[in-house]
């Protein structure tokens, strides 16, 4: 059983080192990917039925507003924000 235990230890250490190298490589090659998360705002929504995209955009804005209120920030007027975004499209 001693040889199996020694082999198991070598495999565990080898896999751990390989995972560490893979993690460092992934971190080094990711660039600024994580810096871009959340900076794009809400993308314009396109759907197949005409009123569906407006309903989805309103839903996204209401969810965003709920997060603002949960953080203790004052709520925004969803209708005003919706009309502003529609003018931008």
PDB file of N, CA and C in Angstrom:
ATOM      1  N   UNK A   1       0.814  -1.201   0.000  1.00  0.00           N
ATOM      2  CA  UNK A   1       0.000   0.000   0.000  1.00  0.00           C
ATOM      3  C   UNK A   1       0.856   1.262   0.000  1.00  0.00           C
ATOM      4  N   UNK A   2       2.096   1.157   0.384  1.00  0.00           N
ATOM      5  CA  UNK A   2       2.965   2.321   0.441  1.00  0.00           C
ATOM      6  C   UNK A   2       3.191   2.945  -0.925  1.00  0.00           C
ATOM      7  N   UNK A   3       3.306   2.119  -1.961  1.00  0.00           N
ATOM      8  CA  UNK A   3       3.531   2.648  -3.306  1.00  0.00           C
ATOM      9  C   UNK A   3       2.294   3.385  -3.815  1.00  0.00           C
ATOM     10  N   UNK A   4       1.128   2.878  -3.491  1.00  0.00           N
ATOM     11  CA  UNK A   4      -0.113   3.531  -3.920  1.00  0.00           C
ATOM     12  C   UNK A   4      -0.265   4.879  -3.221  1.00  0.00           C
ATOM     13  N   UNK A   5       0.064   4.937  -1.941  1.00  0.00           N
ATOM     14  CA  UNK A   5      -0.018   6.195  -1.212  1.00  0.00           C
ATOM     15  C   UNK A   5       0.949   7.227  -1.776  1.00  0.00           C
ATOM     16  N   UNK A   6       2.153   6.781  -2.118  1.00  0.00           N
ATOM     17  CA  UNK A   6       3.148   7.686  -2.704  1.00  0.00           C
ATOM     18  C   UNK A   6       2.685   8.196  -4.070  1.00  0.00           C
ATOM     19  N   UNK A   7       2.118   7.303  -4.867  1.00  0.00           N
ATOM     20  CA  UNK A   7       1.628   7.702  -6.186  1.00  0.00           C
ATOM     21  C   UNK A   7       0.459   8.671  -6.052  1.00  0.00           C
ATOM     22  N   UNK A   8      -0.410   8.426  -5.084  1.00  0.00           N
ATOM     23  CA  UNK A   8      -1.551   9.312  -4.866  1.00  0.00           C
ATOM     24  C   UNK A   8      -1.067  10.712  -4.502  1.00  0.00           C
ATOM     25  N   UNK A   9      -0.081  10.811  -3.644  1.00  0.00           N
ATOM     26  CA  UNK A   9       0.466  12.106  -3.244  1.00  0.00           C
ATOM     27  C   UNK A   9       1.062  12.836  -4.453  1.00  0.00           C
ATOM     28  N   UNK A  10       1.778  12.113  -5.298  1.00  0.00           N
ATOM     29  CA  UNK A  10       2.370  12.719  -6.493  1.00  0.00           C
ATOM     30  C   UNK A  10       1.276  13.226  -7.427  1.00  0.00           C
ATOM     31  N   UNK A  11       0.216  12.456  -7.603  1.00  0.00           N
ATOM     32  CA  UNK A  11      -0.882  12.864  -8.480  1.00  0.00           C
ATOM     33  C   UNK A  11      -1.583  14.094  -7.916  1.00  0.00           C
ATOM     34  N   UNK A  12      -1.851  14.113  -6.630  1.00  0.00           N
ATOM     35  CA  UNK A  12      -2.535  15.260  -6.021  1.00  0.00           C
ATOM     36  C   UNK A  12      -1.689  16.523  -6.149  1.00  0.00           C
ATOM     37  N   UNK A  13      -0.418  16.435  -5.874  1.00  0.00           N
ATOM     38  CA  UNK A  13       0.465  17.598  -5.989  1.00  0.00           C
ATOM     39  C   UNK A  13       0.592  18.028  -7.452  1.00  0.00           C
ATOM     40  N   UNK A  14       0.715  17.060  -8.360  1.00  0.00           N
ATOM     41  CA  UNK A  14       0.828  17.380  -9.780  1.00  0.00           C
ATOM     42  C   UNK A  14      -0.415  18.075 -10.318  1.00  0.00           C
ATOM     43  N   UNK A  15      -1.592  17.581  -9.975  1.00  0.00           N
ATOM     44  CA  UNK A  15      -2.841  18.193 -10.432  1.00  0.00           C
ATOM     45  C   UNK A  15      -3.006  19.588  -9.820  1.00  0.00           C
ATOM     46  N   UNK A  16      -2.632  19.738  -8.574  1.00  0.00           N
ATOM     47  CA  UNK A  16      -2.731  21.047  -7.920  1.00  0.00           C
ATOM     48  C   UNK A  16      -1.816  22.071  -8.590  1.00  0.00           C
ATOM     49  N   UNK A  17      -0.596  21.657  -8.900  1.00  0.00           N
ATOM     50  CA  UNK A  17       0.328  22.577  -9.582  1.00  0.00           C
ATOM     51  C   UNK A  17      -0.161  22.920 -10.984  1.00  0.00           C
ATOM     52  N   UNK A  18      -0.699  21.938 -11.679  1.00  0.00           N
ATOM     53  CA  UNK A  18      -1.242  22.183 -13.017  1.00  0.00           C
ATOM     54  C   UNK A  18      -2.423  23.156 -12.950  1.00  0.00           C
ATOM     55  N   UNK A  19      -3.284  22.998 -11.969  1.00  0.00           N
ATOM     56  CA  UNK A  19      -4.413  23.912 -11.795  1.00  0.00           C
ATOM     57  C   UNK A  19      -3.928  25.321 -11.463  1.00  0.00           C
ATOM     58  N   UNK A  20      -2.903  25.432 -10.660  1.00  0.00           N
ATOM     59  CA  UNK A  20      -2.340  26.729 -10.315  1.00  0.00           C
ATOM     60  C   UNK A  20      -1.769  27.422 -11.555  1.00  0.00           C
ATOM     61  N   UNK A  21      -1.044  26.682 -12.365  1.00  0.00           N
ATOM     62  CA  UNK A  21      -0.485  27.249 -13.596  1.00  0.00           C
ATOM     63  C   UNK A  21      -1.618  27.686 -14.529  1.00  0.00           C
ATOM     64  N   UNK A  22      -2.652  26.868 -14.652  1.00  0.00           N
ATOM     65  CA  UNK A  22      -3.796  27.223 -15.491  1.00  0.00           C
ATOM     66  C   UNK A  22      -4.502  28.469 -14.999  1.00  0.00           C
ATOM     67  N   UNK A  23      -4.646  28.610 -13.686  1.00  0.00           N
ATOM     68  CA  UNK A  23      -5.298  29.795 -13.123  1.00  0.00           C
ATOM     69  C   UNK A  23      -4.478  31.055 -13.369  1.00  0.00           C
ATOM     70  N   UNK A  24      -3.176  30.964 -13.199  1.00  0.00           N
ATOM     71  CA  UNK A  24      -2.303  32.108 -13.444  1.00  0.00           C
ATOM     72  C   UNK A  24      -2.342  32.492 -14.921  1.00  0.00           C
ATOM     73  N   UNK A  25      -2.336  31.509 -15.804  1.00  0.00           N
ATOM     74  CA  UNK A  25      -2.416  31.784 -17.238  1.00  0.00           C
ATOM     75  C   UNK A  25      -3.742  32.458 -17.595  1.00  0.00           C
ATOM     76  N   UNK A  26      -4.835  31.955 -17.050  1.00  0.00           N
ATOM     77  CA  UNK A  26      -6.149  32.549 -17.325  1.00  0.00           C
ATOM     78  C   UNK A  26      -6.215  33.982 -16.819  1.00  0.00           C
ATOM     79  N   UNK A  27      -5.654  34.228 -15.657  1.00  0.00           N
ATOM     80  CA  UNK A  27      -5.639  35.584 -15.109  1.00  0.00           C
ATOM     81  C   UNK A  27      -4.781  36.509 -15.963  1.00  0.00           C
ATOM     82  N   UNK A  28      -3.648  36.017 -16.413  1.00  0.00           N
ATOM     83  CA  UNK A  28      -2.735  36.850 -17.203  1.00  0.00           C
ATOM     84  C   UNK A  28      -3.299  37.170 -18.584  1.00  0.00           C
ATOM     85  N   UNK A  29      -4.062  36.267 -19.163  1.00  0.00           N
ATOM     86  CA  UNK A  29      -4.574  36.488 -20.515  1.00  0.00           C
ATOM     87  C   UNK A  29      -5.963  37.094 -20.551  1.00  0.00           C
ATOM     88  N   UNK A  30      -6.576  37.315 -19.399  1.00  0.00           N
ATOM     89  CA  UNK A  30      -7.943  37.851 -19.395  1.00  0.00           C
ATOM     90  C   UNK A  30      -7.967  39.329 -19.756  1.00  0.00           C
ATOM     91  N   UNK A  31      -6.861  40.019 -19.612  1.00  0.00           N
ATOM     92  CA  UNK A  31      -6.809  41.436 -19.977  1.00  0.00           C
ATOM     93  C   UNK A  31      -7.760  42.252 -19.125  1.00  0.00           C
ATOM     94  N   UNK A  32      -8.493  43.116 -19.773  1.00  0.00           N
ATOM     95  CA  UNK A  32      -9.403  44.007 -19.065  1.00  0.00           C
ATOM     96  C   UNK A  32     -10.838  43.506 -19.146  1.00  0.00           C
ATOM     97  N   UNK A  33     -11.026  42.206 -19.277  1.00  0.00           N
ATOM     98  CA  UNK A  33     -12.378  41.664 -19.413  1.00  0.00           C
ATOM     99  C   UNK A  33     -13.246  42.014 -18.217  1.00  0.00           C
ATOM    100  N   UNK A  34     -12.712  41.868 -17.027  1.00  0.00           N
ATOM    101  CA  UNK A  34     -13.516  42.126 -15.838  1.00  0.00           C
ATOM    102  C   UNK A  34     -13.756  43.616 -15.631  1.00  0.00           C
ATOM    103  N   UNK A  35     -12.904  44.459 -16.163  1.00  0.00           N
ATOM    104  CA  UNK A  35     -13.121  45.904 -16.048  1.00  0.00           C
ATOM    105  C   UNK A  35     -14.299  46.359 -16.893  1.00  0.00           C
ATOM    106  N   UNK A  36     -14.649  45.603 -17.921  1.00  0.00           N
ATOM    107  CA  UNK A  36     -15.730  45.985 -18.813  1.00  0.00           C
ATOM    108  C   UNK A  36     -17.094  45.544 -18.311  1.00  0.00           C
ATOM    109  N   UNK A  37     -17.153  44.675 -17.329  1.00  0.00           N
ATOM    110  CA  UNK A  37     -18.423  44.172 -16.836  1.00  0.00           C
ATOM    111  C   UNK A  37     -19.195  45.307 -16.174  1.00  0.00           C
ATOM    112  N   UNK A  38     -20.414  45.513 -16.614  1.00  0.00           N
ATOM    113  CA  UNK A  38     -21.283  46.519 -16.029  1.00  0.00           C
ATOM    114  C   UNK A  38     -21.077  47.921 -16.543  1.00  0.00           C
ATOM    115  N   UNK A  39     -20.116  48.152 -17.400  1.00  0.00           N
ATOM    116  CA  UNK A  39     -19.861  49.511 -17.859  1.00  0.00           C
ATOM    117  C   UNK A  39     -20.633  49.852 -19.123  1.00  0.00           C
ATOM    118  N   UNK A  40     -21.259  48.880 -19.755  1.00  0.00           N
ATOM    119  CA  UNK A  40     -21.935  49.108 -21.020  1.00  0.00           C
ATOM    120  C   UNK A  40     -23.345  49.628 -20.902  1.00  0.00           C
ATOM    121  N   UNK A  41     -23.912  49.630 -19.708  1.00  0.00           N
ATOM    122  CA  UNK A  41     -25.291  50.064 -19.560  1.00  0.00           C
ATOM    123  C   UNK A  41     -26.246  49.008 -20.093  1.00  0.00           C
ATOM    124  N   UNK A  42     -27.425  49.433 -20.388  1.00  0.00           N
ATOM    125  CA  UNK A  42     -28.442  48.527 -20.887  1.00  0.00           C
ATOM    126  C   UNK A  42     -28.412  48.561 -22.409  1.00  0.00           C
ATOM    127  N   UNK A  43     -28.240  47.408 -23.007  1.00  0.00           N
ATOM    128  CA  UNK A  43     -28.215  47.314 -24.464  1.00  0.00           C
ATOM    129  C   UNK A  43     -29.633  47.483 -25.002  1.00  0.00           C
ATOM    130  N   UNK A  44     -29.783  48.038 -26.173  1.00  0.00           N
ATOM    131  CA  UNK A  44     -31.114  48.122 -26.765  1.00  0.00           C
ATOM    132  C   UNK A  44     -31.687  46.724 -26.968  1.00  0.00           C
ATOM    133  N   UNK A  45     -32.940  46.591 -26.655  1.00  0.00           N
ATOM    134  CA  UNK A  45     -33.593  45.300 -26.736  1.00  0.00           C
ATOM    135  C   UNK A  45     -34.333  45.207 -28.064  1.00  0.00           C
ATOM    136  N   UNK A  46     -34.116  44.130 -28.779  1.00  0.00           N
ATOM    137  CA  UNK A  46     -34.813  43.907 -30.044  1.00  0.00           C
ATOM    138  C   UNK A  46     -35.586  42.600 -29.937  1.00  0.00           C
ATOM    139  N   UNK A  47     -36.853  42.640 -30.255  1.00  0.00           N
ATOM    140  CA  UNK A  47     -37.648  41.427 -30.185  1.00  0.00           C
ATOM    141  C   UNK A  47     -38.470  41.274 -31.452  1.00  0.00           C
ATOM    142  N   UNK A  48     -39.175  40.183 -31.546  1.00  0.00           N
ATOM    143  CA  UNK A  48     -39.932  39.888 -32.751  1.00  0.00           C
ATOM    144  C   UNK A  48     -41.277  40.595 -32.768  1.00  0.00           C
ATOM    145  N   UNK A  49     -41.887  40.798 -31.616  1.00  0.00           N
ATOM    146  CA  UNK A  49     -43.171  41.497 -31.580  1.00  0.00           C
ATOM    147  C   UNK A  49     -42.926  42.941 -31.173  1.00  0.00           C
ATOM    148  N   UNK A  50     -43.663  43.887 -31.758  1.00  0.00           N
ATOM    149  CA  UNK A  50     -43.358  45.309 -31.549  1.00  0.00           C
ATOM    150  C   UNK A  50     -43.406  45.786 -30.099  1.00  0.00           C
ATOM    151  N   UNK A  51     -44.365  45.382 -29.300  1.00  0.00           N
ATOM    152  CA  UNK A  51     -44.478  45.896 -27.942  1.00  0.00           C
ATOM    153  C   UNK A  51     -43.631  45.162 -26.921  1.00  0.00           C
ATOM    154  N   UNK A  52     -43.091  44.021 -27.310  1.00  0.00           N
ATOM    155  CA  UNK A  52     -42.352  43.197 -26.360  1.00  0.00           C
ATOM    156  C   UNK A  52     -41.038  43.843 -25.939  1.00  0.00           C
ATOM    157  N   UNK A  53     -40.340  44.479 -26.867  1.00  0.00           N
ATOM    158  CA  UNK A  53     -39.069  45.096 -26.513  1.00  0.00           C
ATOM    159  C   UNK A  53     -39.263  46.255 -25.544  1.00  0.00           C
ATOM    160  N   UNK A  54     -40.337  46.995 -25.686  1.00  0.00           N
ATOM    161  CA  UNK A  54     -40.632  48.090 -24.767  1.00  0.00           C
ATOM    162  C   UNK A  54     -40.929  47.551 -23.370  1.00  0.00           C
ATOM    163  N   UNK A  55     -41.686  46.462 -23.288  1.00  0.00           N
ATOM    164  CA  UNK A  55     -42.003  45.850 -21.993  1.00  0.00           C
ATOM    165  C   UNK A  55     -40.745  45.312 -21.325  1.00  0.00           C
ATOM    166  N   UNK A  56     -39.846  44.716 -22.109  1.00  0.00           N
ATOM    167  CA  UNK A  56     -38.614  44.192 -21.531  1.00  0.00           C
ATOM    168  C   UNK A  56     -37.712  45.313 -21.049  1.00  0.00           C
ATOM    169  N   UNK A  57     -37.643  46.393 -21.805  1.00  0.00           N
ATOM    170  CA  UNK A  57     -36.829  47.528 -21.387  1.00  0.00           C
ATOM    171  C   UNK A  57     -37.377  48.133 -20.107  1.00  0.00           C
ATOM    172  N   UNK A  58     -38.699  48.253 -20.013  1.00  0.00           N
ATOM    173  CA  UNK A  58     -39.318  48.775 -18.790  1.00  0.00           C
ATOM    174  C   UNK A  58     -38.998  47.861 -17.611  1.00  0.00           C
ATOM    175  N   UNK A  59     -39.049  46.552 -17.837  1.00  0.00           N
ATOM    176  CA  UNK A  59     -38.743  45.594 -16.776  1.00  0.00           C
ATOM    177  C   UNK A  59     -37.297  45.740 -16.308  1.00  0.00           C
ATOM    178  N   UNK A  60     -36.361  45.903 -17.238  1.00  0.00           N
ATOM    179  CA  UNK A  60     -34.960  46.094 -16.875  1.00  0.00           C
ATOM    180  C   UNK A  60     -34.767  47.377 -16.064  1.00  0.00           C
ATOM    181  N   UNK A  61     -35.429  48.440 -16.481  1.00  0.00           N
ATOM    182  CA  UNK A  61     -35.303  49.712 -15.759  1.00  0.00           C
ATOM    183  C   UNK A  61     -35.922  49.636 -14.368  1.00  0.00           C
ATOM    184  N   UNK A  62     -37.037  48.924 -14.240  1.00  0.00           N
ATOM    185  CA  UNK A  62     -37.651  48.761 -12.915  1.00  0.00           C
ATOM    186  C   UNK A  62     -36.753  47.950 -11.994  1.00  0.00           C
ATOM    187  N   UNK A  63     -36.098  46.919 -12.527  1.00  0.00           N
ATOM    188  CA  UNK A  63     -35.174  46.118 -11.719  1.00  0.00           C
ATOM    189  C   UNK A  63     -33.972  46.963 -11.300  1.00  0.00           C
ATOM    190  N   UNK A  64     -33.480  47.761 -12.222  1.00  0.00           N
ATOM    191  CA  UNK A  64     -32.355  48.653 -11.899  1.00  0.00           C
ATOM    192  C   UNK A  64     -32.750  49.653 -10.815  1.00  0.00           C
ATOM    193  N   UNK A  65     -33.962  50.160 -10.920  1.00  0.00           N
ATOM    194  CA  UNK A  65     -34.461  51.113  -9.937  1.00  0.00           C
ATOM    195  C   UNK A  65     -34.616  50.441  -8.570  1.00  0.00           C
ATOM    196  N   UNK A  66     -35.069  49.202  -8.557  1.00  0.00           N
ATOM    197  CA  UNK A  66     -35.212  48.471  -7.292  1.00  0.00           C
ATOM    198  C   UNK A  66     -33.852  48.278  -6.627  1.00  0.00           C
ATOM    199  N   UNK A  67     -32.810  48.014  -7.433  1.00  0.00           N
ATOM    200  CA  UNK A  67     -31.463  47.886  -6.858  1.00  0.00           C
ATOM    201  C   UNK A  67     -30.989  49.211  -6.283  1.00  0.00           C
ATOM    202  N   UNK A  68     -31.329  50.325  -6.947  1.00  0.00           N
ATOM    203  CA  UNK A  68     -30.966  51.646  -6.427  1.00  0.00           C
ATOM    204  C   UNK A  68     -31.608  51.877  -5.062  1.00  0.00           C
ATOM    205  N   UNK A  69     -32.889  51.559  -4.965  1.00  0.00           N
ATOM    206  CA  UNK A  69     -33.613  51.759  -3.711  1.00  0.00           C
ATOM    207  C   UNK A  69     -33.038  50.855  -2.623  1.00  0.00           C
ATOM    208  N   UNK A  70     -32.673  49.631  -2.980  1.00  0.00           N
ATOM    209  CA  UNK A  70     -32.095  48.699  -2.006  1.00  0.00           C
ATOM    210  C   UNK A  70     -30.748  49.198  -1.485  1.00  0.00           C
ATOM    211  N   UNK A  71     -30.002  49.952  -2.323  1.00  0.00           N
ATOM    212  CA  UNK A  71     -28.724  50.527  -1.885  1.00  0.00           C
ATOM    213  C   UNK A  71     -28.913  51.802  -1.087  1.00  0.00           C
ATOM    214  N   UNK A  72     -30.150  52.279  -0.987  1.00  0.00           N
ATOM    215  CA  UNK A  72     -30.416  53.493  -0.236  1.00  0.00           C
ATOM    216  C   UNK A  72     -30.371  54.754  -1.078  1.00  0.00           C
ATOM    217  N   UNK A  73     -30.268  54.612  -2.383  1.00  0.00           N
ATOM    218  CA  UNK A  73     -30.253  55.767  -3.278  1.00  0.00           C
ATOM    219  C   UNK A  73     -31.688  56.154  -3.613  1.00  0.00           C
ATOM    220  N   UNK A  74     -31.891  57.404  -3.994  1.00  0.00           N
ATOM    221  CA  UNK A  74     -33.264  57.812  -4.330  1.00  0.00           C
ATOM    222  C   UNK A  74     -33.722  57.137  -5.625  1.00  0.00           C
ATOM    223  N   UNK A  75     -34.996  56.788  -5.709  1.00  0.00           N
ATOM    224  CA  UNK A  75     -35.486  56.124  -6.921  1.00  0.00           C
ATOM    225  C   UNK A  75     -35.569  57.102  -8.093  1.00  0.00           C
ATOM    226  N   UNK A  76     -35.400  56.567  -9.289  1.00  0.00           N
ATOM    227  CA  UNK A  76     -35.549  57.353 -10.506  1.00  0.00           C
ATOM    228  C   UNK A  76     -36.934  57.122 -11.084  1.00  0.00           C
ATOM    229  N   UNK A  77     -37.408  58.065 -11.876  1.00  0.00           N
ATOM    230  CA  UNK A  77     -38.684  57.914 -12.549  1.00  0.00           C
ATOM    231  C   UNK A  77     -38.472  56.992 -13.751  1.00  0.00           C
ATOM    232  N   UNK A  78     -39.083  55.826 -13.712  1.00  0.00           N
ATOM    233  CA  UNK A  78     -38.887  54.819 -14.748  1.00  0.00           C
ATOM    234  C   UNK A  78     -39.412  55.323 -16.086  1.00  0.00           C
ATOM    235  N   UNK A  79     -40.552  56.018 -16.085  1.00  0.00           N
ATOM    236  CA  UNK A  79     -41.130  56.500 -17.340  1.00  0.00           C
ATOM    237  C   UNK A  79     -40.227  57.536 -18.010  1.00  0.00           C
ATOM    238  N   UNK A  80     -39.644  58.432 -17.219  1.00  0.00           N
ATOM    239  CA  UNK A  80     -38.736  59.432 -17.770  1.00  0.00           C
ATOM    240  C   UNK A  80     -37.490  58.765 -18.345  1.00  0.00           C
ATOM    241  N   UNK A  81     -36.932  57.815 -17.613  1.00  0.00           N
ATOM    242  CA  UNK A  81     -35.748  57.101 -18.088  1.00  0.00           C
ATOM    243  C   UNK A  81     -36.066  56.295 -19.344  1.00  0.00           C
ATOM    244  N   UNK A  82     -37.249  55.700 -19.380  1.00  0.00           N
ATOM    245  CA  UNK A  82     -37.656  54.923 -20.546  1.00  0.00           C
ATOM    246  C   UNK A  82     -37.784  55.814 -21.779  1.00  0.00           C
ATOM    247  N   UNK A  83     -38.408  56.966 -21.628  1.00  0.00           N
ATOM    248  CA  UNK A  83     -38.561  57.862 -22.779  1.00  0.00           C
ATOM    249  C   UNK A  83     -37.206  58.410 -23.231  1.00  0.00           C
ATOM    250  N   UNK A  84     -36.284  58.658 -22.293  1.00  0.00           N
ATOM    251  CA  UNK A  84     -34.945  59.124 -22.657  1.00  0.00           C
ATOM    252  C   UNK A  84     -34.216  58.066 -23.463  1.00  0.00           C
ATOM    253  N   UNK A  85     -34.296  56.815 -23.032  1.00  0.00           N
ATOM    254  CA  UNK A  85     -33.609  55.736 -23.750  1.00  0.00           C
ATOM    255  C   UNK A  85     -34.234  55.474 -25.109  1.00  0.00           C
ATOM    256  N   UNK A  86     -35.526  55.655 -25.218  1.00  0.00           N
ATOM    257  CA  UNK A  86     -36.168  55.461 -26.511  1.00  0.00           C
ATOM    258  C   UNK A  86     -35.757  56.540 -27.497  1.00  0.00           C
ATOM    259  N   UNK A  87     -35.525  57.750 -27.013  1.00  0.00           N
ATOM    260  CA  UNK A  87     -35.057  58.822 -27.886  1.00  0.00           C
ATOM    261  C   UNK A  87     -33.636  58.523 -28.381  1.00  0.00           C
ATOM    262  N   UNK A  88     -32.823  57.859 -27.557  1.00  0.00           N
ATOM    263  CA  UNK A  88     -31.454  57.525 -27.935  1.00  0.00           C
ATOM    264  C   UNK A  88     -31.397  56.439 -28.989  1.00  0.00           C
ATOM    265  N   UNK A  89     -32.397  55.594 -29.072  1.00  0.00           N
ATOM    266  CA  UNK A  89     -32.394  54.461 -30.005  1.00  0.00           C
ATOM    267  C   UNK A  89     -32.557  54.955 -31.382  1.00  0.00           C
TER     268      UNK A  89
END
